[in-house]
Amino acid sequence: MVTMEYIKETFPEIGLIENKELAEGVATAWKRVMDQGGWETLDGIPFTLLIDNPEATLVQHTRMVTKMAIAVAKERNDLDMDLVVSGGLLHDVGKLLEYDRVDGKVVKSEFGKLLRHPVSGAGLALELGLPAKLAHIIAAHSKEGEMVKRIPEAILLNHCDFIDFEIAKTK
C-alpha cells in the first residue's frame, strides 16, 4: 500500500502549498488514485502514450510542468500560487486510472477508453472535496478545456503542459 510519505517524497512541491489542508488533499489525491488503480509505485510510468518511449516519466513531467508554472506565476505575481502548484501537481493525476500495466507495459486501461484523465482527475478532486477551481484546472488543462472559459491559473497550466509535451515530441 502506498504511503503519504512516498507521495510527499515523490512530489516535494507539495511542501510549497501554503494551505496545509489543500496540500494534504493533493497528496491524498495521488494516494487514492494509486490505490484505486493498483499502482504500487510511480516508477517507469510514461507521461504520455502518444509518444513512443518518451524520455520523461509521469512524475518527471508532472514536476516539470509544476516548476514551469511556478516560475511564470512568480514573474506575473497576480495568480493564486496554491492553485498553480496544486493544479500542476494534479493535472495528470487521472492518468493512473487511464493507464494500466499489462505484461510489464503501460497501456490504455478499459476505464481510460471511456474517460480521459482530465475528466477522471477533476472528478477525483471534487470527490475529495478539493476546490472547484482546482477541479477546473485539472479538467481544462487539455483539449477538454477548449469548451469552457479557463481561469488564469488554468490557462497557465494548459500552456506549460503543452510546452513540455511539444518539446518531448521533438526528441
N, C-alpha and C. Protein backbone atom coordinates (compact mmCIF):
# COMPACT_ATOMS: atom_id res chain seq x y z
N MET A 1 0.84 -1.19 0.00
CA MET A 1 0.00 0.00 0.00
C MET A 1 0.89 1.25 0.00
N VAL A 2 0.50 2.21 -0.77
CA VAL A 2 1.23 3.46 -0.92
C VAL A 2 1.07 4.30 0.35
N THR A 3 2.16 4.95 0.76
CA THR A 3 2.10 5.81 1.95
C THR A 3 2.10 7.28 1.54
N MET A 4 1.60 8.10 2.44
CA MET A 4 1.62 9.54 2.21
C MET A 4 3.07 10.04 2.15
N GLU A 5 3.95 9.41 2.89
CA GLU A 5 5.37 9.81 2.87
C GLU A 5 5.95 9.60 1.48
N TYR A 6 5.59 8.47 0.84
CA TYR A 6 6.06 8.20 -0.53
C TYR A 6 5.59 9.30 -1.47
N ILE A 7 4.33 9.68 -1.36
CA ILE A 7 3.77 10.71 -2.23
C ILE A 7 4.51 12.04 -2.01
N LYS A 8 4.71 12.41 -0.76
CA LYS A 8 5.34 13.70 -0.46
C LYS A 8 6.82 13.71 -0.84
N GLU A 9 7.49 12.56 -0.77
CA GLU A 9 8.88 12.47 -1.23
C GLU A 9 8.95 12.53 -2.75
N THR A 10 7.99 11.92 -3.42
CA THR A 10 7.95 11.90 -4.88
C THR A 10 7.65 13.28 -5.44
N PHE A 11 6.78 14.01 -4.75
CA PHE A 11 6.37 15.35 -5.18
C PHE A 11 6.68 16.37 -4.08
N PRO A 12 7.96 16.73 -3.91
CA PRO A 12 8.32 17.67 -2.84
C PRO A 12 7.66 19.04 -2.99
N GLU A 13 7.17 19.36 -4.19
CA GLU A 13 6.50 20.64 -4.41
C GLU A 13 5.22 20.76 -3.58
N ILE A 14 4.71 19.65 -3.08
CA ILE A 14 3.55 19.71 -2.18
C ILE A 14 3.86 20.64 -1.00
N GLY A 15 5.11 20.64 -0.57
CA GLY A 15 5.52 21.48 0.54
C GLY A 15 5.45 22.97 0.24
N LEU A 16 5.30 23.35 -1.02
CA LEU A 16 5.19 24.76 -1.39
C LEU A 16 3.76 25.29 -1.25
N ILE A 17 2.81 24.39 -1.06
CA ILE A 17 1.41 24.80 -0.93
C ILE A 17 1.20 25.32 0.48
N GLU A 18 0.87 26.60 0.59
CA GLU A 18 0.74 27.23 1.91
C GLU A 18 -0.47 26.72 2.68
N ASN A 19 -1.58 26.49 2.00
CA ASN A 19 -2.78 25.98 2.65
C ASN A 19 -2.57 24.50 2.95
N LYS A 20 -2.34 24.17 4.20
CA LYS A 20 -1.97 22.79 4.58
C LYS A 20 -3.08 21.79 4.29
N GLU A 21 -4.34 22.22 4.40
CA GLU A 21 -5.45 21.33 4.07
C GLU A 21 -5.43 21.00 2.57
N LEU A 22 -5.14 21.98 1.75
CA LEU A 22 -5.03 21.77 0.32
C LEU A 22 -3.83 20.86 0.01
N ALA A 23 -2.71 21.10 0.67
CA ALA A 23 -1.52 20.26 0.47
C ALA A 23 -1.83 18.80 0.80
N GLU A 24 -2.52 18.57 1.89
CA GLU A 24 -2.90 17.20 2.26
C GLU A 24 -3.86 16.61 1.23
N GLY A 25 -4.76 17.45 0.71
CA GLY A 25 -5.69 16.98 -0.32
C GLY A 25 -4.99 16.56 -1.59
N VAL A 26 -3.95 17.30 -1.97
CA VAL A 26 -3.16 16.94 -3.16
C VAL A 26 -2.48 15.59 -2.95
N ALA A 27 -1.85 15.41 -1.80
CA ALA A 27 -1.20 14.13 -1.51
C ALA A 27 -2.22 13.00 -1.45
N THR A 28 -3.35 13.27 -0.84
CA THR A 28 -4.41 12.26 -0.74
C THR A 28 -4.92 11.86 -2.11
N ALA A 29 -5.03 12.82 -3.03
CA ALA A 29 -5.49 12.51 -4.39
C ALA A 29 -4.55 11.51 -5.06
N TRP A 30 -3.24 11.75 -4.96
CA TRP A 30 -2.28 10.81 -5.56
C TRP A 30 -2.37 9.45 -4.89
N LYS A 31 -2.47 9.43 -3.56
CA LYS A 31 -2.57 8.15 -2.85
C LYS A 31 -3.83 7.41 -3.26
N ARG A 32 -4.94 8.12 -3.29
CA ARG A 32 -6.23 7.49 -3.63
C ARG A 32 -6.19 6.88 -5.03
N VAL A 33 -5.67 7.63 -6.00
CA VAL A 33 -5.67 7.15 -7.38
C VAL A 33 -4.67 6.00 -7.56
N MET A 34 -3.58 6.02 -6.83
CA MET A 34 -2.65 4.91 -6.90
C MET A 34 -3.29 3.65 -6.33
N ASP A 35 -3.94 3.79 -5.18
CA ASP A 35 -4.61 2.64 -4.58
C ASP A 35 -5.73 2.13 -5.49
N GLN A 36 -6.52 3.05 -6.02
CA GLN A 36 -7.65 2.69 -6.88
C GLN A 36 -7.18 2.01 -8.16
N GLY A 37 -6.09 2.49 -8.73
CA GLY A 37 -5.58 1.93 -9.98
C GLY A 37 -4.66 0.74 -9.79
N GLY A 38 -4.36 0.39 -8.53
CA GLY A 38 -3.49 -0.75 -8.25
C GLY A 38 -2.02 -0.49 -8.51
N TRP A 39 -1.60 0.79 -8.43
CA TRP A 39 -0.20 1.16 -8.66
C TRP A 39 0.54 1.14 -7.34
N GLU A 40 1.59 0.36 -7.23
CA GLU A 40 2.40 0.30 -6.02
C GLU A 40 3.50 1.35 -6.02
N THR A 41 3.89 1.78 -7.21
CA THR A 41 4.95 2.78 -7.37
C THR A 41 4.64 3.60 -8.62
N LEU A 42 5.23 4.77 -8.68
CA LEU A 42 5.10 5.61 -9.87
C LEU A 42 6.28 5.46 -10.82
N ASP A 43 7.22 4.61 -10.47
CA ASP A 43 8.41 4.39 -11.29
C ASP A 43 8.04 3.82 -12.66
N GLY A 44 8.65 4.40 -13.69
CA GLY A 44 8.54 3.85 -15.03
C GLY A 44 7.23 4.09 -15.75
N ILE A 45 6.36 4.92 -15.19
CA ILE A 45 5.10 5.21 -15.87
C ILE A 45 5.36 6.37 -16.84
N PRO A 46 5.12 6.16 -18.14
CA PRO A 46 5.36 7.25 -19.10
C PRO A 46 4.34 8.37 -18.90
N PHE A 47 4.74 9.58 -19.21
CA PHE A 47 3.80 10.69 -19.03
C PHE A 47 2.75 10.74 -20.13
N THR A 48 3.00 10.06 -21.24
CA THR A 48 2.04 10.02 -22.33
C THR A 48 2.18 8.71 -23.09
N LEU A 49 1.08 8.29 -23.66
CA LEU A 49 1.10 7.12 -24.56
C LEU A 49 1.06 7.57 -26.01
N LEU A 50 1.08 8.88 -26.24
CA LEU A 50 1.02 9.44 -27.59
C LEU A 50 2.39 9.56 -28.25
N ILE A 51 3.45 9.34 -27.47
CA ILE A 51 4.82 9.38 -27.98
C ILE A 51 5.45 8.03 -27.65
N ASP A 52 6.06 7.39 -28.63
CA ASP A 52 6.73 6.12 -28.37
C ASP A 52 7.94 6.35 -27.47
N ASN A 53 7.97 5.65 -26.36
CA ASN A 53 9.09 5.70 -25.42
C ASN A 53 9.51 7.13 -25.06
N PRO A 54 8.62 7.91 -24.48
CA PRO A 54 9.02 9.27 -24.09
C PRO A 54 10.12 9.21 -23.04
N GLU A 55 11.02 10.19 -23.09
CA GLU A 55 12.12 10.22 -22.11
C GLU A 55 11.60 10.47 -20.70
N ALA A 56 10.59 11.31 -20.57
CA ALA A 56 10.10 11.71 -19.25
C ALA A 56 9.04 10.74 -18.74
N THR A 57 9.10 10.50 -17.45
CA THR A 57 8.08 9.71 -16.78
C THR A 57 6.94 10.63 -16.37
N LEU A 58 5.87 10.05 -15.89
CA LEU A 58 4.74 10.83 -15.39
C LEU A 58 5.18 11.74 -14.25
N VAL A 59 6.01 11.24 -13.35
CA VAL A 59 6.49 12.06 -12.23
C VAL A 59 7.35 13.20 -12.75
N GLN A 60 8.28 12.93 -13.65
CA GLN A 60 9.15 13.98 -14.18
C GLN A 60 8.34 15.05 -14.91
N HIS A 61 7.39 14.64 -15.72
CA HIS A 61 6.54 15.59 -16.44
C HIS A 61 5.71 16.42 -15.46
N THR A 62 5.12 15.77 -14.49
CA THR A 62 4.28 16.48 -13.51
C THR A 62 5.11 17.53 -12.78
N ARG A 63 6.29 17.17 -12.36
CA ARG A 63 7.15 18.11 -11.63
C ARG A 63 7.65 19.22 -12.55
N MET A 64 7.97 18.90 -13.81
CA MET A 64 8.43 19.91 -14.76
C MET A 64 7.34 20.93 -15.02
N VAL A 65 6.13 20.47 -15.30
CA VAL A 65 5.01 21.37 -15.56
C VAL A 65 4.76 22.25 -14.33
N THR A 66 4.81 21.66 -13.16
CA THR A 66 4.59 22.42 -11.92
C THR A 66 5.67 23.48 -11.76
N LYS A 67 6.92 23.12 -11.96
CA LYS A 67 8.02 24.09 -11.80
C LYS A 67 7.96 25.20 -12.84
N MET A 68 7.59 24.85 -14.08
CA MET A 68 7.45 25.88 -15.11
C MET A 68 6.32 26.85 -14.73
N ALA A 69 5.22 26.32 -14.27
CA ALA A 69 4.08 27.16 -13.90
C ALA A 69 4.43 28.05 -12.71
N ILE A 70 5.16 27.52 -11.74
CA ILE A 70 5.58 28.32 -10.59
C ILE A 70 6.45 29.48 -11.05
N ALA A 71 7.39 29.20 -11.95
CA ALA A 71 8.30 30.26 -12.42
C ALA A 71 7.52 31.38 -13.10
N VAL A 72 6.57 31.03 -13.95
CA VAL A 72 5.78 32.05 -14.63
C VAL A 72 4.91 32.80 -13.63
N ALA A 73 4.28 32.08 -12.73
CA ALA A 73 3.40 32.71 -11.73
C ALA A 73 4.18 33.69 -10.84
N LYS A 74 5.42 33.33 -10.50
CA LYS A 74 6.25 34.24 -9.69
C LYS A 74 6.53 35.53 -10.45
N GLU A 75 6.81 35.41 -11.74
CA GLU A 75 7.08 36.59 -12.56
C GLU A 75 5.83 37.45 -12.70
N ARG A 76 4.69 36.82 -12.87
CA ARG A 76 3.44 37.57 -13.04
C ARG A 76 2.99 38.20 -11.73
N ASN A 77 3.09 37.45 -10.66
CA ASN A 77 2.72 37.92 -9.33
C ASN A 77 1.24 38.33 -9.22
N ASP A 78 0.37 37.73 -10.03
CA ASP A 78 -1.06 38.04 -9.93
C ASP A 78 -1.93 36.78 -9.98
N LEU A 79 -1.32 35.62 -9.72
CA LEU A 79 -2.06 34.36 -9.73
C LEU A 79 -2.05 33.74 -8.34
N ASP A 80 -3.01 32.89 -8.08
CA ASP A 80 -3.09 32.17 -6.80
C ASP A 80 -2.05 31.05 -6.83
N MET A 81 -0.96 31.23 -6.10
CA MET A 81 0.16 30.28 -6.16
C MET A 81 -0.25 28.89 -5.65
N ASP A 82 -1.11 28.82 -4.65
CA ASP A 82 -1.55 27.50 -4.19
C ASP A 82 -2.31 26.76 -5.29
N LEU A 83 -3.12 27.48 -6.06
CA LEU A 83 -3.83 26.86 -7.18
C LEU A 83 -2.87 26.45 -8.28
N VAL A 84 -1.86 27.28 -8.54
CA VAL A 84 -0.87 26.96 -9.56
C VAL A 84 -0.12 25.68 -9.20
N VAL A 85 0.38 25.60 -7.97
CA VAL A 85 1.14 24.43 -7.54
C VAL A 85 0.24 23.19 -7.50
N SER A 86 -0.93 23.33 -6.90
CA SER A 86 -1.86 22.19 -6.81
C SER A 86 -2.30 21.73 -8.19
N GLY A 87 -2.60 22.68 -9.06
CA GLY A 87 -3.00 22.33 -10.42
C GLY A 87 -1.90 21.64 -11.19
N GLY A 88 -0.67 22.13 -11.03
CA GLY A 88 0.46 21.48 -11.68
C GLY A 88 0.64 20.05 -11.20
N LEU A 89 0.53 19.87 -9.91
CA LEU A 89 0.74 18.54 -9.34
C LEU A 89 -0.39 17.56 -9.67
N LEU A 90 -1.59 18.07 -9.87
CA LEU A 90 -2.72 17.17 -10.10
C LEU A 90 -3.22 17.13 -11.55
N HIS A 91 -2.63 17.92 -12.44
CA HIS A 91 -3.21 17.98 -13.79
C HIS A 91 -3.30 16.61 -14.47
N ASP A 92 -2.37 15.73 -14.21
CA ASP A 92 -2.37 14.40 -14.85
C ASP A 92 -2.66 13.26 -13.88
N VAL A 93 -3.16 13.55 -12.70
CA VAL A 93 -3.39 12.51 -11.70
C VAL A 93 -4.33 11.42 -12.24
N GLY A 94 -5.26 11.79 -13.10
CA GLY A 94 -6.20 10.83 -13.66
C GLY A 94 -5.56 9.81 -14.59
N LYS A 95 -4.32 10.05 -14.99
CA LYS A 95 -3.66 9.07 -15.87
C LYS A 95 -3.49 7.72 -15.19
N LEU A 96 -3.46 7.70 -13.87
CA LEU A 96 -3.32 6.42 -13.18
C LEU A 96 -4.60 5.60 -13.25
N LEU A 97 -5.69 6.21 -13.68
CA LEU A 97 -6.92 5.47 -13.99
C LEU A 97 -7.02 5.21 -15.49
N GLU A 98 -6.46 6.11 -16.28
CA GLU A 98 -6.48 5.98 -17.74
C GLU A 98 -5.50 4.90 -18.22
N TYR A 99 -4.49 4.61 -17.40
CA TYR A 99 -3.46 3.64 -17.75
C TYR A 99 -3.63 2.36 -16.94
N ASP A 100 -3.00 1.31 -17.45
CA ASP A 100 -2.91 0.04 -16.75
C ASP A 100 -1.56 -0.57 -17.14
N ARG A 101 -1.05 -1.44 -16.32
CA ARG A 101 0.19 -2.15 -16.67
C ARG A 101 -0.18 -3.59 -17.01
N VAL A 102 0.11 -3.99 -18.25
CA VAL A 102 -0.19 -5.33 -18.72
C VAL A 102 1.10 -5.94 -19.25
N ASP A 103 1.49 -7.06 -18.66
CA ASP A 103 2.72 -7.75 -19.05
C ASP A 103 3.92 -6.79 -19.02
N GLY A 104 3.97 -5.95 -18.01
CA GLY A 104 5.09 -5.03 -17.83
C GLY A 104 5.03 -3.77 -18.66
N LYS A 105 4.03 -3.65 -19.52
CA LYS A 105 3.90 -2.48 -20.40
C LYS A 105 2.71 -1.64 -19.97
N VAL A 106 2.89 -0.32 -19.99
CA VAL A 106 1.80 0.59 -19.65
C VAL A 106 0.97 0.83 -20.90
N VAL A 107 -0.34 0.57 -20.77
CA VAL A 107 -1.28 0.68 -21.89
C VAL A 107 -2.53 1.43 -21.43
N LYS A 108 -3.37 1.79 -22.38
CA LYS A 108 -4.65 2.42 -22.07
C LYS A 108 -5.54 1.38 -21.37
N SER A 109 -6.11 1.76 -20.24
CA SER A 109 -6.98 0.86 -19.48
C SER A 109 -8.38 0.85 -20.10
N GLU A 110 -9.18 -0.12 -19.68
CA GLU A 110 -10.57 -0.14 -20.12
C GLU A 110 -11.28 1.11 -19.64
N PHE A 111 -11.01 1.54 -18.41
CA PHE A 111 -11.57 2.78 -17.88
C PHE A 111 -11.13 3.97 -18.73
N GLY A 112 -9.84 3.97 -19.09
CA GLY A 112 -9.29 5.06 -19.87
C GLY A 112 -9.87 5.16 -21.27
N LYS A 113 -10.40 4.06 -21.78
CA LYS A 113 -11.05 4.10 -23.08
C LYS A 113 -12.41 4.81 -22.98
N LEU A 114 -12.93 4.91 -21.76
CA LEU A 114 -14.22 5.56 -21.54
C LEU A 114 -14.09 7.01 -21.09
N LEU A 115 -13.10 7.28 -20.24
CA LEU A 115 -12.91 8.62 -19.69
C LEU A 115 -11.44 9.00 -19.74
N ARG A 116 -11.15 10.16 -20.31
CA ARG A 116 -9.77 10.65 -20.33
C ARG A 116 -9.40 11.21 -18.95
N HIS A 117 -8.11 11.34 -18.75
CA HIS A 117 -7.59 11.75 -17.45
C HIS A 117 -8.05 13.12 -16.96
N PRO A 118 -8.29 14.11 -17.82
CA PRO A 118 -8.78 15.38 -17.28
C PRO A 118 -10.15 15.23 -16.59
N VAL A 119 -10.98 14.36 -17.13
CA VAL A 119 -12.32 14.15 -16.57
C VAL A 119 -12.22 13.36 -15.26
N SER A 120 -11.50 12.25 -15.28
CA SER A 120 -11.39 11.43 -14.07
C SER A 120 -10.63 12.16 -12.98
N GLY A 121 -9.61 12.94 -13.35
CA GLY A 121 -8.86 13.71 -12.35
C GLY A 121 -9.70 14.79 -11.70
N ALA A 122 -10.50 15.49 -12.50
CA ALA A 122 -11.39 16.52 -11.95
C ALA A 122 -12.44 15.87 -11.04
N GLY A 123 -12.97 14.74 -11.46
CA GLY A 123 -13.95 14.03 -10.63
C GLY A 123 -13.35 13.62 -9.30
N LEU A 124 -12.13 13.14 -9.33
CA LEU A 124 -11.45 12.76 -8.09
C LEU A 124 -11.28 13.96 -7.18
N ALA A 125 -10.85 15.09 -7.73
CA ALA A 125 -10.66 16.30 -6.93
C ALA A 125 -11.97 16.70 -6.25
N LEU A 126 -13.06 16.68 -6.99
CA LEU A 126 -14.36 17.04 -6.40
C LEU A 126 -14.80 16.02 -5.35
N GLU A 127 -14.56 14.76 -5.63
CA GLU A 127 -14.90 13.69 -4.68
C GLU A 127 -14.17 13.89 -3.35
N LEU A 128 -12.94 14.37 -3.42
CA LEU A 128 -12.15 14.59 -2.20
C LEU A 128 -12.45 15.93 -1.53
N GLY A 129 -13.33 16.71 -2.11
CA GLY A 129 -13.68 17.99 -1.52
C GLY A 129 -12.67 19.09 -1.79
N LEU A 130 -11.84 18.90 -2.82
CA LEU A 130 -10.88 19.94 -3.20
C LEU A 130 -11.63 21.07 -3.90
N PRO A 131 -11.05 22.26 -3.95
CA PRO A 131 -11.75 23.41 -4.52
C PRO A 131 -12.19 23.20 -5.98
N ALA A 132 -13.35 23.76 -6.31
CA ALA A 132 -13.88 23.66 -7.67
C ALA A 132 -12.90 24.28 -8.67
N LYS A 133 -12.20 25.34 -8.28
CA LYS A 133 -11.22 25.95 -9.20
C LYS A 133 -10.09 24.98 -9.53
N LEU A 134 -9.71 24.16 -8.56
CA LEU A 134 -8.67 23.16 -8.81
C LEU A 134 -9.20 22.08 -9.75
N ALA A 135 -10.42 21.63 -9.53
CA ALA A 135 -11.03 20.65 -10.44
C ALA A 135 -11.12 21.24 -11.85
N HIS A 136 -11.43 22.53 -11.94
CA HIS A 136 -11.49 23.21 -13.24
C HIS A 136 -10.12 23.17 -13.93
N ILE A 137 -9.06 23.46 -13.20
CA ILE A 137 -7.71 23.44 -13.78
C ILE A 137 -7.40 22.05 -14.33
N ILE A 138 -7.71 21.01 -13.55
CA ILE A 138 -7.45 19.64 -13.98
C ILE A 138 -8.27 19.32 -15.24
N ALA A 139 -9.55 19.65 -15.21
CA ALA A 139 -10.43 19.34 -16.33
C ALA A 139 -10.07 20.13 -17.59
N ALA A 140 -9.58 21.36 -17.39
CA ALA A 140 -9.35 22.28 -18.52
C ALA A 140 -7.91 22.30 -19.01
N HIS A 141 -7.03 21.47 -18.45
CA HIS A 141 -5.62 21.57 -18.84
C HIS A 141 -5.34 21.01 -20.23
N SER A 142 -6.25 20.25 -20.77
CA SER A 142 -6.04 19.63 -22.08
C SER A 142 -7.15 20.08 -23.03
N LYS A 143 -7.37 19.33 -24.09
CA LYS A 143 -8.33 19.77 -25.10
C LYS A 143 -9.75 19.90 -24.57
N GLU A 144 -10.08 19.21 -23.49
CA GLU A 144 -11.40 19.36 -22.89
C GLU A 144 -11.64 20.81 -22.46
N GLY A 145 -10.59 21.52 -22.13
CA GLY A 145 -10.70 22.91 -21.70
C GLY A 145 -11.08 23.88 -22.80
N GLU A 146 -11.04 23.44 -24.04
CA GLU A 146 -11.43 24.31 -25.14
C GLU A 146 -12.92 24.61 -25.13
N MET A 147 -13.67 23.88 -24.33
CA MET A 147 -15.12 24.04 -24.29
C MET A 147 -15.58 24.96 -23.15
N VAL A 148 -14.65 25.45 -22.33
CA VAL A 148 -15.01 26.32 -21.21
C VAL A 148 -14.10 27.54 -21.22
N LYS A 149 -14.49 28.56 -20.46
CA LYS A 149 -13.62 29.72 -20.26
C LYS A 149 -12.67 29.38 -19.12
N ARG A 150 -11.40 29.26 -19.44
CA ARG A 150 -10.40 28.89 -18.43
C ARG A 150 -10.12 30.08 -17.50
N ILE A 151 -9.94 29.76 -16.21
CA ILE A 151 -9.46 30.77 -15.27
C ILE A 151 -7.97 30.99 -15.55
N PRO A 152 -7.40 32.10 -15.09
CA PRO A 152 -5.99 32.38 -15.40
C PRO A 152 -5.02 31.25 -15.04
N GLU A 153 -5.21 30.62 -13.89
CA GLU A 153 -4.32 29.53 -13.48
C GLU A 153 -4.45 28.34 -14.43
N ALA A 154 -5.64 28.10 -14.94
CA ALA A 154 -5.84 27.00 -15.90
C ALA A 154 -5.18 27.32 -17.24
N ILE A 155 -5.21 28.58 -17.65
CA ILE A 155 -4.51 29.00 -18.88
C ILE A 155 -3.03 28.70 -18.73
N LEU A 156 -2.46 29.07 -17.61
CA LEU A 156 -1.04 28.84 -17.35
C LEU A 156 -0.70 27.36 -17.41
N LEU A 157 -1.46 26.52 -16.69
CA LEU A 157 -1.16 25.09 -16.66
C LEU A 157 -1.36 24.44 -18.02
N ASN A 158 -2.35 24.87 -18.77
CA ASN A 158 -2.58 24.36 -20.11
C ASN A 158 -1.34 24.61 -20.98
N HIS A 159 -0.82 25.81 -20.94
CA HIS A 159 0.33 26.15 -21.78
C HIS A 159 1.61 25.44 -21.31
N CYS A 160 1.82 25.38 -20.01
CA CYS A 160 3.02 24.69 -19.51
C CYS A 160 2.98 23.21 -19.87
N ASP A 161 1.82 22.60 -19.75
CA ASP A 161 1.67 21.19 -20.11
C ASP A 161 2.00 20.97 -21.59
N PHE A 162 1.44 21.81 -22.45
CA PHE A 162 1.68 21.63 -23.88
C PHE A 162 3.10 22.00 -24.29
N ILE A 163 3.72 22.93 -23.62
CA ILE A 163 5.13 23.23 -23.90
C ILE A 163 5.96 21.98 -23.66
N ASP A 164 5.76 21.34 -22.49
CA ASP A 164 6.54 20.16 -22.16
C ASP A 164 6.24 19.01 -23.14
N PHE A 165 4.98 18.83 -23.48
CA PHE A 165 4.58 17.79 -24.43
C PHE A 165 5.19 18.02 -25.81
N GLU A 166 5.07 19.23 -26.32
CA GLU A 166 5.57 19.54 -27.66
C GLU A 166 7.09 19.39 -27.75
N ILE A 167 7.80 19.79 -26.72
CA ILE A 167 9.25 19.61 -26.72
C ILE A 167 9.59 18.12 -26.67
N ALA A 168 8.84 17.35 -25.88
CA ALA A 168 9.09 15.90 -25.79
C ALA A 168 8.89 15.23 -27.15
N LYS A 169 7.97 15.72 -27.93
CA LYS A 169 7.72 15.13 -29.26
C LYS A 169 8.91 15.32 -30.20
N THR A 170 9.76 16.31 -29.95
CA THR A 170 10.89 16.57 -30.84
C THR A 170 12.08 15.67 -30.54
N LYS A 171 12.06 14.97 -29.45
CA LYS A 171 13.22 14.16 -29.05
C LYS A 171 13.24 12.81 -29.71
